[in-house]
Amino acid sequence: MRRLLISLLIVILILAALLARPWWLFQQAQGAVPAGVQLAGMDLSGADAAGITDALERAFDEPIAVYYAGQRLVLRPQAVGFHVDATSMLAEALRHKSFFLDLRTFLGELVRHPPAPINVPLRYSLDTVALDNWLADVADHYDRSPIPPQPVLDKLTIAPGQPGLKLDLPASRDRLLGVLIDPQVRSLELVLHQAPAPPIDMKALEALLKARMDQFPGIGGVFVHQTTTGEEAAVNADVAYAGMSTIKIAIVEEVFRKLKAPPDAETTGIITQTTALSNNHAANLLLGIIGDGDQTAGVRVLNQSLHTLGLENTFMATPYDQHLASPPRIVTPANSRKDLNTLPDAYVQTTPRDLGLMLGMIVECSQGGGTLLAAYGDQLTDAKCRQALDFLGMDNMNELVVSGVPQGTRFVHKHGYAADTHGDVAAIWGPAGPYIISVFIYQPPWLEWSLSKSTMKDLSTAVWNYFTLISQPQ
């Protein structure tokens, strides 16, 4: 037993002799940070306090490449008040120093299997207000709002809108902070959200129509109404214009409201002359039917019906071509405007909106719904309204609004013209269902037919192109 103890002691002495120098070298190699301790994941063993502070500051002061949708920006940590607190990290590291930690680390290095280090987390200060201000400045410079659809005037169409980009400030702040405290990663992509592009809608159509109407050297108004959705686009649609023959749309509707049975041969002929030939005498005969034989009474019934339907800017003062000793002065919201004045006919007036809505009501009635059936369901039927549309379809002057749609398209319309004013109101069965387009233009003292044709054709083509666009799969 004694010999065993002596042998063990000899072995211990030999090991001590062999390890004395490595242990001494190990102790000498230690710096301000105890062996086996890292600072913010960095092995800084052997360095003095000044060297450690310098190494930490250099590692975390490296500029950060920040990308906004491919745009490279540079953030210097000092700009947002980011500073490493090396003093508190060194103090925390020293609290881990012990003989047993040194021995564990020393023996691990001897056998080339060092133990897992103890890590002192990064201690730092940050100006969060400065960081938020930096990100807000980036957003101010690089965020972009969605761009609405734009009119393409030379092609009479609408270019799609463009999506916008918006910086997600909270998420970007978190991501940036993660890079500020990681010396191995010095770049990041900011978190962005894409704002969808505004859809091509009636507002976009309105902008296109206005751009085209601005080229007309007079006063022009256009009204578009999609009968299936009720959506509308309007440019100067509530300006008073001479009603001319376009008001015969309302006269035809009133005749069918008056009739108890389908029109006989004589009445059919009168309606045909009114719509196909735009004959004023025939229109007066229809007013007589409406007024039980009295054309002036028929005018009163017509005006009362227009008022009932909410079309307060449309009226006839007398039957066609029956002038009074002094012109009448019938006041409406449209002819009371001070901004735009077309010097409308005192005897028959309307607006693009009023007659557009009137024709739209007939179309909706023909399909079994709408305002006319709600107001006059005991006097009108869908069959009557379909027959009224058939008569209005007899207008075979196809050079104005209806020239802007493809051949073979179903439409009905009624046009009218005076020396300085032309109008055309049409129901068109387009790619997205039936819609109404009502156009009136005014240029004194004489409106050239060629100018009228090209303006109305372009406006109509623009509307057709719009409904073609929205009917396509998105």
Protein backbone atom coordinates (compact mmCIF):
# COMPACT_ATOMS: atom_id res chain seq x y z
CA MET A 1 0.00 0.00 0.00
CA ARG A 2 2.85 2.32 0.92
CA ARG A 3 4.60 1.62 -2.32
CA LEU A 4 1.39 2.47 -4.25
CA LEU A 5 1.11 5.83 -2.52
CA ILE A 6 4.76 6.58 -3.22
CA SER A 7 4.25 5.71 -6.88
CA LEU A 8 1.15 7.92 -7.09
CA LEU A 9 3.01 10.81 -5.50
CA ILE A 10 5.86 10.39 -7.99
CA VAL A 11 3.38 10.48 -10.88
CA ILE A 12 1.76 13.63 -9.49
CA LEU A 13 5.12 15.31 -9.10
CA ILE A 14 6.11 14.40 -12.61
CA LEU A 15 2.78 15.74 -14.00
CA ALA A 16 3.18 18.87 -11.99
CA ALA A 17 6.67 19.34 -13.34
CA LEU A 18 5.48 18.74 -16.89
CA LEU A 19 2.46 21.08 -16.56
CA ALA A 20 4.11 23.82 -14.62
CA ARG A 21 5.51 25.63 -17.63
CA PRO A 22 2.33 25.30 -19.81
CA TRP A 23 0.25 26.51 -16.86
CA TRP A 24 2.61 29.44 -16.38
CA LEU A 25 2.42 30.28 -20.08
CA PHE A 26 -1.36 29.92 -19.95
CA GLN A 27 -1.58 32.38 -17.09
CA GLN A 28 0.82 34.78 -18.78
CA ALA A 29 -1.22 34.70 -22.00
CA GLN A 30 -4.40 35.83 -20.26
CA GLY A 31 -5.35 39.44 -20.79
CA ALA A 32 -8.11 41.60 -19.40
CA VAL A 33 -10.71 38.94 -20.22
CA PRO A 34 -10.52 35.65 -18.30
CA ALA A 35 -9.76 32.56 -20.34
CA GLY A 36 -12.92 30.82 -21.53
CA VAL A 37 -14.92 34.04 -21.67
CA GLN A 38 -15.99 35.78 -24.89
CA LEU A 39 -17.41 39.24 -25.39
CA ALA A 40 -20.40 39.46 -27.75
CA GLY A 41 -19.30 36.20 -29.33
CA MET A 42 -15.78 37.50 -29.96
CA ASP A 43 -12.67 35.73 -28.60
CA LEU A 44 -10.51 38.58 -27.29
CA SER A 45 -8.30 36.54 -24.95
CA GLY A 46 -4.83 37.97 -24.44
CA ALA A 47 -5.74 41.56 -25.18
CA ASP A 48 -5.53 44.27 -22.62
CA ALA A 49 -8.50 46.51 -21.75
CA ALA A 50 -7.57 49.16 -24.29
CA GLY A 51 -7.16 46.59 -27.04
CA ILE A 52 -10.47 44.96 -26.18
CA THR A 53 -12.27 48.29 -26.23
CA ASP A 54 -10.71 49.17 -29.57
CA ALA A 55 -11.58 45.77 -31.09
CA LEU A 56 -15.21 45.98 -29.95
CA GLU A 57 -15.63 49.53 -31.22
CA ARG A 58 -14.09 48.73 -34.61
CA ALA A 59 -16.26 45.64 -35.04
CA PHE A 60 -19.52 47.42 -34.28
CA ASP A 61 -18.69 50.75 -35.90
CA GLU A 62 -18.47 49.24 -39.37
CA PRO A 63 -20.95 50.99 -41.76
CA ILE A 64 -24.08 49.06 -42.68
CA ALA A 65 -25.30 48.74 -46.26
CA VAL A 66 -29.06 49.27 -46.20
CA TYR A 67 -31.10 48.43 -49.33
CA TYR A 68 -34.46 49.94 -50.23
CA ALA A 69 -35.78 48.03 -53.25
CA GLY A 70 -32.27 47.79 -54.67
CA GLN A 71 -31.29 51.35 -53.75
CA ARG A 72 -28.12 51.16 -51.63
CA LEU A 73 -27.91 53.44 -48.59
CA VAL A 74 -25.21 53.59 -45.93
CA LEU A 75 -25.89 53.87 -42.22
CA ARG A 76 -23.03 54.63 -39.86
CA PRO A 77 -23.86 53.34 -36.38
CA GLN A 78 -22.63 56.57 -34.80
CA ALA A 79 -25.36 58.44 -36.73
CA VAL A 80 -28.03 56.72 -34.62
CA GLY A 81 -26.11 56.96 -31.35
CA PHE A 82 -24.97 53.33 -31.34
CA HIS A 83 -22.04 52.82 -28.96
CA VAL A 84 -20.59 49.65 -27.39
CA ASP A 85 -20.30 49.76 -23.59
CA ALA A 86 -16.97 47.96 -23.38
CA THR A 87 -16.41 48.98 -19.74
CA SER A 88 -19.50 47.21 -18.42
CA MET A 89 -18.77 44.16 -20.59
CA LEU A 90 -15.21 43.90 -19.18
CA ALA A 91 -16.52 44.25 -15.65
CA GLU A 92 -19.04 41.47 -16.26
CA ALA A 93 -16.35 39.28 -17.79
CA LEU A 94 -14.10 39.66 -14.75
CA ARG A 95 -16.87 38.44 -12.49
CA HIS A 96 -16.55 35.07 -14.20
CA LYS A 97 -12.84 34.70 -13.34
CA SER A 98 -12.05 31.77 -11.02
CA PHE A 99 -9.44 29.09 -10.53
CA PHE A 100 -11.82 26.39 -11.60
CA LEU A 101 -12.69 28.26 -14.84
CA ASP A 102 -8.98 28.68 -15.57
CA LEU A 103 -8.29 25.02 -14.85
CA ARG A 104 -11.20 23.82 -16.99
CA THR A 105 -10.12 26.00 -19.88
CA PHE A 106 -6.44 25.04 -19.52
CA LEU A 107 -7.14 21.31 -19.47
CA GLY A 108 -9.56 21.63 -22.42
CA GLU A 109 -6.87 23.31 -24.48
CA LEU A 110 -4.34 20.64 -23.52
CA VAL A 111 -6.53 17.86 -24.88
CA ARG A 112 -7.60 20.03 -27.85
CA HIS A 113 -11.21 19.92 -26.78
CA PRO A 114 -11.90 23.29 -25.21
CA PRO A 115 -15.13 23.65 -23.27
CA ALA A 116 -17.96 25.87 -24.49
CA PRO A 117 -17.06 29.47 -23.75
CA ILE A 118 -19.00 31.71 -21.44
CA ASN A 119 -20.39 34.60 -23.50
CA VAL A 120 -20.88 38.10 -22.16
CA PRO A 121 -23.67 39.60 -24.24
CA LEU A 122 -23.22 42.87 -26.06
CA ARG A 123 -23.88 45.92 -23.94
CA TYR A 124 -24.58 49.08 -25.89
CA SER A 125 -26.45 52.36 -26.03
CA LEU A 126 -28.70 53.49 -28.89
CA ASP A 127 -30.59 56.68 -29.70
CA THR A 128 -33.93 55.17 -30.72
CA VAL A 129 -35.30 58.57 -31.73
CA ALA A 130 -32.37 59.08 -34.10
CA LEU A 131 -32.89 55.58 -35.52
CA ASP A 132 -36.60 56.24 -36.14
CA ASN A 133 -35.80 59.62 -37.66
CA TRP A 134 -33.29 58.01 -40.03
CA LEU A 135 -35.84 55.45 -41.15
CA ALA A 136 -38.53 58.13 -41.49
CA ASP A 137 -36.19 60.16 -43.69
CA VAL A 138 -35.61 57.10 -45.86
CA ALA A 139 -39.37 56.64 -46.16
CA ASP A 140 -39.84 60.31 -47.09
CA HIS A 141 -37.30 60.02 -49.88
CA TYR A 142 -38.07 56.59 -51.28
CA ASP A 143 -41.65 55.63 -50.45
CA ARG A 144 -43.89 56.14 -53.45
CA SER A 145 -47.63 56.36 -53.58
CA PRO A 146 -49.54 54.22 -56.05
CA ILE A 147 -49.90 55.93 -59.43
CA PRO A 148 -53.48 55.95 -60.69
CA PRO A 149 -54.32 54.83 -64.21
CA GLN A 150 -53.33 57.43 -66.78
CA PRO A 151 -55.15 58.50 -69.94
CA VAL A 152 -53.38 57.63 -73.17
CA LEU A 153 -54.95 60.24 -75.39
CA ASP A 154 -53.37 59.30 -78.71
CA LYS A 155 -54.75 55.76 -78.35
CA LEU A 156 -57.97 56.73 -76.57
CA THR A 157 -57.29 54.21 -73.84
CA ILE A 158 -56.08 54.03 -70.25
CA ALA A 159 -52.69 52.85 -69.05
CA PRO A 160 -52.84 50.69 -65.90
CA GLY A 161 -51.84 52.27 -62.61
CA GLN A 162 -48.57 51.47 -60.89
CA PRO A 163 -48.22 50.00 -57.39
CA GLY A 164 -46.63 51.99 -54.61
CA LEU A 165 -44.02 51.08 -52.00
CA LYS A 166 -44.15 51.87 -48.30
CA LEU A 167 -41.52 51.25 -45.66
CA ASP A 168 -42.62 49.06 -42.77
CA LEU A 169 -40.94 51.13 -40.08
CA PRO A 170 -41.38 48.80 -37.05
CA ALA A 171 -40.24 45.70 -38.95
CA SER A 172 -37.34 47.56 -40.57
CA ARG A 173 -36.29 48.96 -37.19
CA ASP A 174 -36.15 45.44 -35.73
CA ARG A 175 -34.20 44.16 -38.71
CA LEU A 176 -31.74 47.07 -38.57
CA LEU A 177 -31.22 46.64 -34.85
CA GLY A 178 -30.41 42.97 -35.44
CA VAL A 179 -27.63 44.00 -37.83
CA LEU A 180 -26.30 46.76 -35.58
CA ILE A 181 -25.60 44.18 -32.86
CA ASP A 182 -24.14 41.54 -35.19
CA PRO A 183 -20.58 42.31 -36.36
CA GLN A 184 -20.69 39.42 -38.82
CA VAL A 185 -23.58 40.89 -40.81
CA ARG A 186 -23.32 44.45 -42.12
CA SER A 187 -26.06 44.64 -44.74
CA LEU A 188 -29.83 44.23 -44.86
CA GLU A 189 -32.93 44.73 -46.98
CA LEU A 190 -35.51 47.02 -45.46
CA VAL A 191 -39.00 45.61 -45.04
CA LEU A 192 -41.34 47.10 -47.64
CA HIS A 193 -45.01 46.71 -48.38
CA GLN A 194 -46.40 47.10 -51.85
CA ALA A 195 -49.52 49.22 -52.12
CA PRO A 196 -51.67 47.88 -54.95
CA ALA A 197 -52.17 49.98 -58.05
CA PRO A 198 -55.54 51.74 -58.20
CA PRO A 199 -57.89 49.90 -60.55
CA ILE A 200 -59.01 51.19 -63.90
CA ASP A 201 -62.40 52.59 -62.98
CA MET A 202 -64.86 55.31 -63.92
CA LYS A 203 -62.56 57.97 -62.48
CA ALA A 204 -59.89 56.89 -64.90
CA LEU A 205 -62.41 56.99 -67.74
CA GLU A 206 -63.49 60.45 -66.63
CA ALA A 207 -59.87 61.66 -66.82
CA LEU A 208 -59.55 60.28 -70.36
CA LEU A 209 -62.81 61.88 -71.46
CA LYS A 210 -61.81 65.22 -69.96
CA ALA A 211 -58.44 65.09 -71.70
CA ARG A 212 -60.16 64.54 -75.04
CA MET A 213 -62.85 67.11 -74.37
CA ASP A 214 -60.18 69.67 -73.51
CA GLN A 215 -59.12 69.51 -77.15
CA PHE A 216 -62.55 70.67 -78.28
CA PRO A 217 -62.51 74.46 -78.91
CA GLY A 218 -65.87 75.11 -77.27
CA ILE A 219 -67.95 73.80 -74.38
CA GLY A 220 -68.50 70.07 -74.34
CA GLY A 221 -70.25 67.72 -71.96
CA VAL A 222 -70.29 63.94 -71.75
CA PHE A 223 -72.11 61.54 -69.44
CA VAL A 224 -71.56 57.76 -69.21
CA HIS A 225 -73.80 55.42 -67.25
CA GLN A 226 -73.34 51.66 -66.95
CA THR A 227 -76.85 50.30 -66.54
CA THR A 228 -75.79 47.05 -64.86
CA THR A 229 -73.80 48.66 -62.02
CA GLY A 230 -75.03 52.25 -61.94
CA GLU A 231 -71.45 53.57 -62.19
CA GLU A 232 -71.06 56.91 -63.90
CA ALA A 233 -68.47 59.20 -65.45
CA ALA A 234 -69.23 62.84 -66.17
CA VAL A 235 -67.53 65.87 -67.72
CA ASN A 236 -69.63 69.04 -67.74
CA ALA A 237 -72.63 66.74 -67.62
CA ASP A 238 -74.81 69.24 -65.76
CA VAL A 239 -74.41 72.15 -68.18
CA ALA A 240 -77.57 73.28 -70.00
CA TYR A 241 -77.62 72.70 -73.77
CA ALA A 242 -80.25 73.12 -76.43
CA GLY A 243 -82.40 69.98 -76.32
CA MET A 244 -83.03 69.86 -80.09
CA SER A 245 -84.32 66.50 -81.30
CA THR A 246 -82.64 64.53 -78.52
CA ILE A 247 -85.58 65.23 -76.19
CA LYS A 248 -87.68 63.07 -78.50
CA ILE A 249 -86.30 60.18 -76.42
CA ALA A 250 -88.48 61.37 -73.55
CA ILE A 251 -91.42 62.04 -75.87
CA VAL A 252 -91.35 58.45 -77.19
CA GLU A 253 -91.23 57.10 -73.62
CA GLU A 254 -94.23 59.23 -72.65
CA VAL A 255 -96.22 58.03 -75.67
CA PHE A 256 -95.76 54.40 -74.63
CA ARG A 257 -96.71 55.32 -71.07
CA LYS A 258 -99.92 56.85 -72.47
CA LEU A 259 -100.86 54.02 -74.84
CA LYS A 260 -103.09 51.30 -73.43
CA ALA A 261 -102.32 48.92 -76.29
CA PRO A 262 -99.60 48.50 -78.90
CA PRO A 263 -99.56 51.45 -81.31
CA ASP A 264 -101.85 51.17 -84.32
CA ALA A 265 -100.64 51.73 -87.85
CA GLU A 266 -101.18 55.49 -87.75
CA THR A 267 -99.40 55.94 -84.42
CA THR A 268 -96.60 53.64 -85.57
CA GLY A 269 -96.09 55.86 -88.59
CA ILE A 270 -95.95 58.99 -86.45
CA ILE A 271 -93.44 57.45 -84.04
CA THR A 272 -91.35 56.25 -86.98
CA GLN A 273 -91.25 59.71 -88.52
CA THR A 274 -90.25 61.14 -85.14
CA THR A 275 -87.36 58.73 -84.55
CA ALA A 276 -86.17 57.73 -88.01
CA LEU A 277 -86.66 61.10 -89.75
CA SER A 278 -86.51 63.34 -86.66
CA ASN A 279 -89.60 65.11 -87.95
CA ASN A 280 -90.70 67.92 -85.62
CA HIS A 281 -94.28 67.93 -86.87
CA ALA A 282 -94.56 64.22 -86.08
CA ALA A 283 -93.08 64.85 -82.62
CA ASN A 284 -95.80 67.47 -82.03
CA LEU A 285 -98.44 64.91 -83.02
CA LEU A 286 -96.99 62.60 -80.35
CA LEU A 287 -97.28 65.44 -77.84
CA GLY A 288 -100.92 65.62 -78.85
CA ILE A 289 -101.33 61.92 -78.03
CA ILE A 290 -99.70 62.50 -74.66
CA GLY A 291 -102.00 65.48 -73.99
CA ASP A 292 -105.24 63.82 -75.10
CA GLY A 293 -105.35 65.84 -78.32
CA ASP A 294 -103.77 69.00 -76.93
CA GLN A 295 -100.10 69.42 -77.84
CA THR A 296 -99.53 72.12 -75.23
CA ALA A 297 -101.08 69.88 -72.60
CA GLY A 298 -98.74 67.14 -73.84
CA VAL A 299 -95.79 69.46 -73.14
CA ARG A 300 -97.06 69.97 -69.58
CA VAL A 301 -97.45 66.20 -69.05
CA LEU A 302 -93.94 65.65 -70.45
CA ASN A 303 -92.41 68.26 -68.14
CA GLN A 304 -94.26 66.92 -65.11
CA SER A 305 -93.04 63.40 -65.87
CA LEU A 306 -89.44 64.61 -66.28
CA HIS A 307 -89.72 66.34 -62.90
CA THR A 308 -91.15 63.18 -61.32
CA LEU A 309 -88.20 61.19 -62.66
CA GLY A 310 -85.73 63.70 -61.17
CA LEU A 311 -84.66 65.18 -64.51
CA GLU A 312 -85.05 68.79 -63.39
CA ASN A 313 -82.86 70.35 -66.08
CA THR A 314 -84.87 69.09 -69.05
CA PHE A 315 -88.01 70.76 -70.39
CA MET A 316 -90.00 71.90 -73.40
CA ALA A 317 -91.64 75.32 -73.22
CA THR A 318 -93.88 74.79 -76.25
CA PRO A 319 -94.34 72.18 -78.95
CA TYR A 320 -91.62 72.24 -81.60
CA ASP A 321 -91.42 75.39 -83.78
CA GLN A 322 -94.20 77.20 -81.89
CA HIS A 323 -92.54 80.33 -80.60
CA LEU A 324 -94.08 82.85 -78.24
CA ALA A 325 -94.13 86.62 -78.61
CA SER A 326 -91.45 86.80 -75.92
CA PRO A 327 -89.05 83.88 -75.29
CA PRO A 328 -89.87 82.00 -72.09
CA ARG A 329 -87.61 82.15 -69.08
CA ILE A 330 -87.67 78.75 -67.40
CA VAL A 331 -85.05 78.57 -64.66
CA THR A 332 -83.20 75.33 -63.88
CA PRO A 333 -80.06 74.57 -61.87
CA ALA A 334 -78.20 73.93 -65.13
CA ASN A 335 -79.10 77.17 -66.91
CA SER A 336 -78.47 79.17 -63.72
CA ARG A 337 -74.77 78.33 -63.68
CA LYS A 338 -72.35 81.24 -63.99
CA ASP A 339 -69.27 79.30 -65.04
CA LEU A 340 -70.38 77.69 -68.34
CA ASN A 341 -73.07 79.09 -70.62
CA THR A 342 -74.01 77.62 -73.99
CA LEU A 343 -76.86 80.13 -74.52
CA PRO A 344 -79.27 77.17 -74.70
CA ASP A 345 -82.53 77.29 -76.62
CA ALA A 346 -85.14 78.89 -74.37
CA TYR A 347 -87.83 76.52 -75.73
CA VAL A 348 -86.18 73.13 -75.24
CA GLN A 349 -83.26 72.37 -72.94
CA THR A 350 -81.50 69.42 -71.38
CA THR A 351 -78.16 68.27 -70.00
CA PRO A 352 -75.98 65.30 -70.97
CA ARG A 353 -76.79 63.70 -67.62
CA ASP A 354 -80.57 64.14 -67.82
CA LEU A 355 -81.05 62.58 -71.24
CA GLY A 356 -78.42 59.94 -70.54
CA LEU A 357 -80.39 58.90 -67.47
CA MET A 358 -83.66 59.03 -69.44
CA LEU A 359 -82.40 56.61 -72.05
CA GLY A 360 -80.83 54.46 -69.32
CA MET A 361 -84.22 54.23 -67.61
CA ILE A 362 -85.79 52.93 -70.81
CA VAL A 363 -83.06 50.29 -71.17
CA GLU A 364 -83.48 49.21 -67.54
CA CYS A 365 -87.25 49.12 -67.97
CA SER A 366 -86.84 46.90 -71.04
CA GLN A 367 -85.00 44.46 -68.78
CA GLY A 368 -87.74 44.47 -66.16
CA GLY A 369 -86.39 46.94 -63.63
CA GLY A 370 -85.32 50.50 -62.96
CA THR A 371 -86.87 53.86 -62.21
CA LEU A 372 -89.59 53.91 -64.88
CA LEU A 373 -91.24 50.73 -63.67
CA ALA A 374 -90.90 51.90 -60.08
CA ALA A 375 -92.61 55.20 -60.91
CA TYR A 376 -95.07 54.06 -63.60
CA GLY A 377 -95.41 50.32 -63.15
CA ASP A 378 -99.15 50.53 -63.74
CA GLN A 379 -98.64 52.30 -67.09
CA LEU A 380 -95.38 50.85 -68.44
CA THR A 381 -94.13 47.33 -69.00
CA ASP A 382 -90.84 45.87 -70.10
CA ALA A 383 -92.46 45.02 -73.45
CA LYS A 384 -93.47 48.65 -73.99
CA CYS A 385 -89.92 49.82 -73.20
CA ARG A 386 -88.43 47.27 -75.60
CA GLN A 387 -90.73 48.57 -78.33
CA ALA A 388 -89.71 52.16 -77.51
CA LEU A 389 -86.07 51.12 -77.93
CA ASP A 390 -86.89 49.50 -81.27
CA PHE A 391 -88.30 52.81 -82.52
CA LEU A 392 -85.32 54.77 -81.20
CA GLY A 393 -83.11 52.31 -83.05
CA MET A 394 -84.54 53.64 -86.32
CA ASP A 395 -82.27 56.69 -86.15
CA ASN A 396 -79.95 55.70 -89.01
CA MET A 397 -77.60 58.70 -88.83
CA ASN A 398 -74.50 56.80 -87.75
CA GLU A 399 -71.78 59.44 -87.82
CA LEU A 400 -71.60 60.78 -84.27
CA VAL A 401 -71.36 58.75 -81.05
CA VAL A 402 -72.25 55.45 -82.69
CA SER A 403 -69.39 55.76 -85.19
CA GLY A 404 -66.97 55.10 -82.34
CA VAL A 405 -68.00 51.48 -81.75
CA PRO A 406 -67.13 48.39 -83.82
CA GLN A 407 -69.38 47.44 -86.70
CA GLY A 408 -72.06 44.97 -85.72
CA THR A 409 -72.46 46.43 -82.23
CA ARG A 410 -76.04 46.76 -81.07
CA PHE A 411 -77.06 50.32 -80.27
CA VAL A 412 -79.97 52.74 -80.27
CA HIS A 413 -79.57 56.51 -80.26
CA LYS A 414 -81.13 59.86 -80.95
CA HIS A 415 -79.13 62.77 -82.27
CA GLY A 416 -79.94 66.43 -82.63
CA TYR A 417 -78.27 69.50 -83.99
CA ALA A 418 -78.60 73.25 -84.20
CA ALA A 419 -76.27 75.85 -85.69
CA ASP A 420 -73.97 75.97 -82.68
CA THR A 421 -74.89 72.80 -80.77
CA HIS A 422 -74.83 69.09 -81.58
CA GLY A 423 -75.92 66.24 -79.34
CA ASP A 424 -76.16 62.47 -79.46
CA VAL A 425 -77.49 60.12 -76.78
CA ALA A 426 -76.94 56.40 -77.27
CA ALA A 427 -77.47 53.09 -75.54
CA ILE A 428 -74.71 50.69 -76.56
CA TRP A 429 -74.50 47.00 -75.77
CA GLY A 430 -70.79 46.76 -75.06
CA PRO A 431 -68.28 44.20 -73.78
CA ALA A 432 -69.39 44.67 -70.15
CA GLY A 433 -73.11 45.00 -70.84
CA PRO A 434 -75.29 47.92 -71.93
CA TYR A 435 -74.13 51.43 -71.20
CA ILE A 436 -75.29 54.94 -72.00
CA ILE A 437 -73.19 57.69 -73.52
CA SER A 438 -74.62 61.16 -73.88
CA VAL A 439 -72.56 63.89 -75.60
CA PHE A 440 -73.40 67.55 -76.23
CA ILE A 441 -70.98 70.09 -77.70
CA TYR A 442 -71.33 73.80 -78.33
CA GLN A 443 -69.26 76.23 -80.42
CA PRO A 444 -70.72 79.50 -81.63
CA PRO A 445 -71.63 80.81 -84.07
CA TRP A 446 -71.37 77.66 -86.18
CA LEU A 447 -70.28 74.17 -85.18
CA GLU A 448 -68.58 72.39 -88.06
CA TRP A 449 -69.94 68.91 -88.69
CA SER A 450 -66.46 67.46 -89.21
CA LEU A 451 -65.35 68.74 -85.80
CA SER A 452 -68.50 67.38 -84.19
CA LYS A 453 -68.05 63.97 -85.80
CA SER A 454 -64.41 63.55 -84.80
CA THR A 455 -65.01 64.71 -81.23
CA MET A 456 -67.98 62.45 -80.60
CA LYS A 457 -66.37 59.49 -82.33
CA ASP A 458 -63.25 59.78 -80.17
CA LEU A 459 -65.23 60.12 -76.96
CA SER A 460 -67.30 57.08 -77.87
CA THR A 461 -64.23 55.04 -78.80
CA ALA A 462 -62.64 55.94 -75.47
CA VAL A 463 -65.71 54.67 -73.62
CA TRP A 464 -65.81 51.45 -75.67
CA ASN A 465 -62.10 50.88 -74.98
CA TYR A 466 -62.70 51.40 -71.26
CA PHE A 467 -65.44 48.79 -71.08
CA THR A 468 -63.26 46.45 -73.12
CA LEU A 469 -60.45 46.87 -70.57
CA ILE A 470 -62.57 46.25 -67.49
CA SER A 471 -64.25 43.22 -69.04
CA GLN A 472 -60.93 41.44 -69.51
CA PRO A 473 -59.70 39.01 -66.82
CA GLN A 474 -57.45 40.75 -64.32
